[in-house]
């Protein structure tokens, strides 16, 4: 008797699992059918956002290159001033130079 009840309970359990899985499939399909019209709009918005991000990324790279060039151009006068200061110091030192040996000519 217990064996018959056990077999029947297993059959009922498997039947409940099958019934539940079918119900879930129908609910999922029904939900997808309701959401399908919105998928196109969402994908379109995502594509537009991707294109905008790509365009902004390209502009950002271009601006970074320009800023880098401007930094290089701004750095050049500082180096030129430093080199000119060294040259002026050398010239001033040469102007103050007096020979230590007197030559009679």
Protein backbone atom coordinates (compact mmCIF):
# COMPACT_ATOMS: atom_id res chain seq x y z
CA UNK A 1 0.00 0.00 0.00
CA UNK A 2 2.78 2.44 0.87
CA UNK A 3 4.52 1.64 -2.39
CA UNK A 4 1.41 2.55 -4.37
CA UNK A 5 1.02 5.82 -2.46
CA UNK A 6 4.75 6.63 -3.00
CA UNK A 7 4.48 5.99 -6.74
CA UNK A 8 1.33 8.12 -6.97
CA UNK A 9 3.00 10.95 -5.02
CA UNK A 10 6.04 10.85 -7.36
CA UNK A 11 3.71 10.98 -10.36
CA UNK A 12 1.83 13.91 -8.83
CA UNK A 13 5.11 15.71 -8.07
CA UNK A 14 6.37 15.28 -11.63
CA UNK A 15 2.96 16.37 -12.95
CA UNK A 16 3.13 19.49 -10.77
CA UNK A 17 6.62 20.30 -12.05
CA UNK A 18 5.50 19.84 -15.67
CA UNK A 19 2.38 21.97 -15.08
CA UNK A 20 4.44 24.72 -13.43
CA UNK A 21 7.02 24.76 -16.21
CA UNK A 22 4.30 25.06 -18.85
CA UNK A 23 2.65 27.89 -16.94
CA UNK A 24 5.97 29.72 -16.64
CA UNK A 25 6.62 29.29 -20.39
CA UNK A 26 3.24 30.79 -21.23
CA UNK A 27 3.74 33.72 -18.86
CA UNK A 28 7.21 34.38 -20.30
CA UNK A 29 5.94 34.24 -23.87
CA UNK A 30 3.00 36.49 -23.01
CA UNK A 31 5.30 39.01 -21.27
CA UNK A 32 7.72 39.00 -24.20
CA UNK A 33 4.84 39.61 -26.61
CA UNK A 34 3.75 42.61 -24.55
CA UNK A 35 7.28 44.01 -24.36
CA UNK A 36 8.27 43.38 -27.99
CA UNK A 37 6.93 46.72 -29.31
CA UNK A 38 9.15 48.56 -26.82
CA UNK A 39 12.28 46.61 -27.73
CA UNK A 40 12.61 48.45 -31.04
CA UNK A 41 12.40 51.83 -29.34
CA UNK A 42 14.88 50.79 -26.68
CA UNK A 43 17.34 49.43 -29.26
CA UNK A 44 17.00 52.61 -31.31
CA UNK A 45 17.72 54.75 -28.25
CA UNK A 46 20.72 52.57 -27.38
CA UNK A 47 22.08 52.86 -30.92
CA UNK A 48 21.71 56.64 -30.83
CA UNK A 49 23.49 56.77 -27.48
CA UNK A 50 26.31 54.56 -28.76
CA UNK A 51 26.76 56.82 -31.80
CA UNK A 52 26.80 59.91 -29.58
CA UNK A 53 29.38 58.34 -27.27
CA UNK A 54 31.57 57.38 -30.24
CA UNK A 55 31.37 60.92 -31.63
CA UNK A 56 32.17 62.42 -28.23
CA UNK A 57 35.06 59.99 -27.79
CA UNK A 58 36.50 61.00 -31.16
CA UNK A 59 36.15 64.70 -30.26
CA UNK A 60 37.77 64.04 -26.89
CA UNK A 61 40.77 62.35 -28.50
CA UNK A 62 41.12 65.24 -30.95
CA UNK A 63 40.96 67.79 -28.11
CA UNK A 64 43.50 65.81 -26.09
CA UNK A 65 45.91 65.97 -29.02
CA UNK A 66 45.36 69.72 -29.33
CA UNK A 67 45.89 70.24 -25.60
CA UNK A 68 49.07 68.18 -25.78
CA UNK A 69 50.34 70.34 -28.63
CA UNK A 70 49.45 73.50 -26.71
CA UNK A 71 51.30 72.21 -23.67
CA UNK A 72 54.33 71.52 -25.82
CA UNK A 73 54.11 75.00 -27.34
CA UNK A 74 53.76 76.53 -23.86
CA UNK A 75 56.71 74.53 -22.54
CA UNK A 76 59.06 75.69 -25.30
CA UNK A 77 59.33 79.37 -24.15
CA UNK A 78 60.26 78.25 -20.64
CA UNK A 79 63.10 76.16 -21.98
CA UNK A 80 64.14 78.95 -24.33
CA UNK A 81 64.18 81.43 -21.43
CA UNK A 82 66.25 79.03 -19.35
CA UNK A 83 68.73 78.49 -22.18
CA UNK A 84 68.90 82.25 -22.84
CA UNK A 85 69.61 82.87 -19.13
CA UNK A 86 72.50 80.39 -19.29
CA UNK A 87 73.88 82.10 -22.40
CA UNK A 88 73.57 85.56 -20.79
CA UNK A 89 75.35 84.31 -17.70
CA UNK A 90 78.16 83.00 -19.89
CA UNK A 91 78.38 86.28 -21.81
CA UNK A 92 78.44 88.29 -18.58
CA UNK A 93 81.20 86.06 -17.26
CA UNK A 94 83.22 86.53 -20.44
CA UNK A 95 82.79 90.31 -20.26
CA UNK A 96 84.19 90.34 -16.72
CA UNK A 97 87.10 88.15 -17.72
CA UNK A 98 90.49 89.69 -17.30
CA UNK A 99 93.58 87.81 -18.40
CA UNK A 100 95.97 86.87 -15.62
CA UNK A 101 99.06 87.03 -17.78
CA UNK A 102 100.23 90.32 -19.23
CA UNK A 103 101.65 90.07 -22.65
CA UNK A 104 104.05 92.67 -24.01
CA UNK A 105 103.75 93.10 -27.63
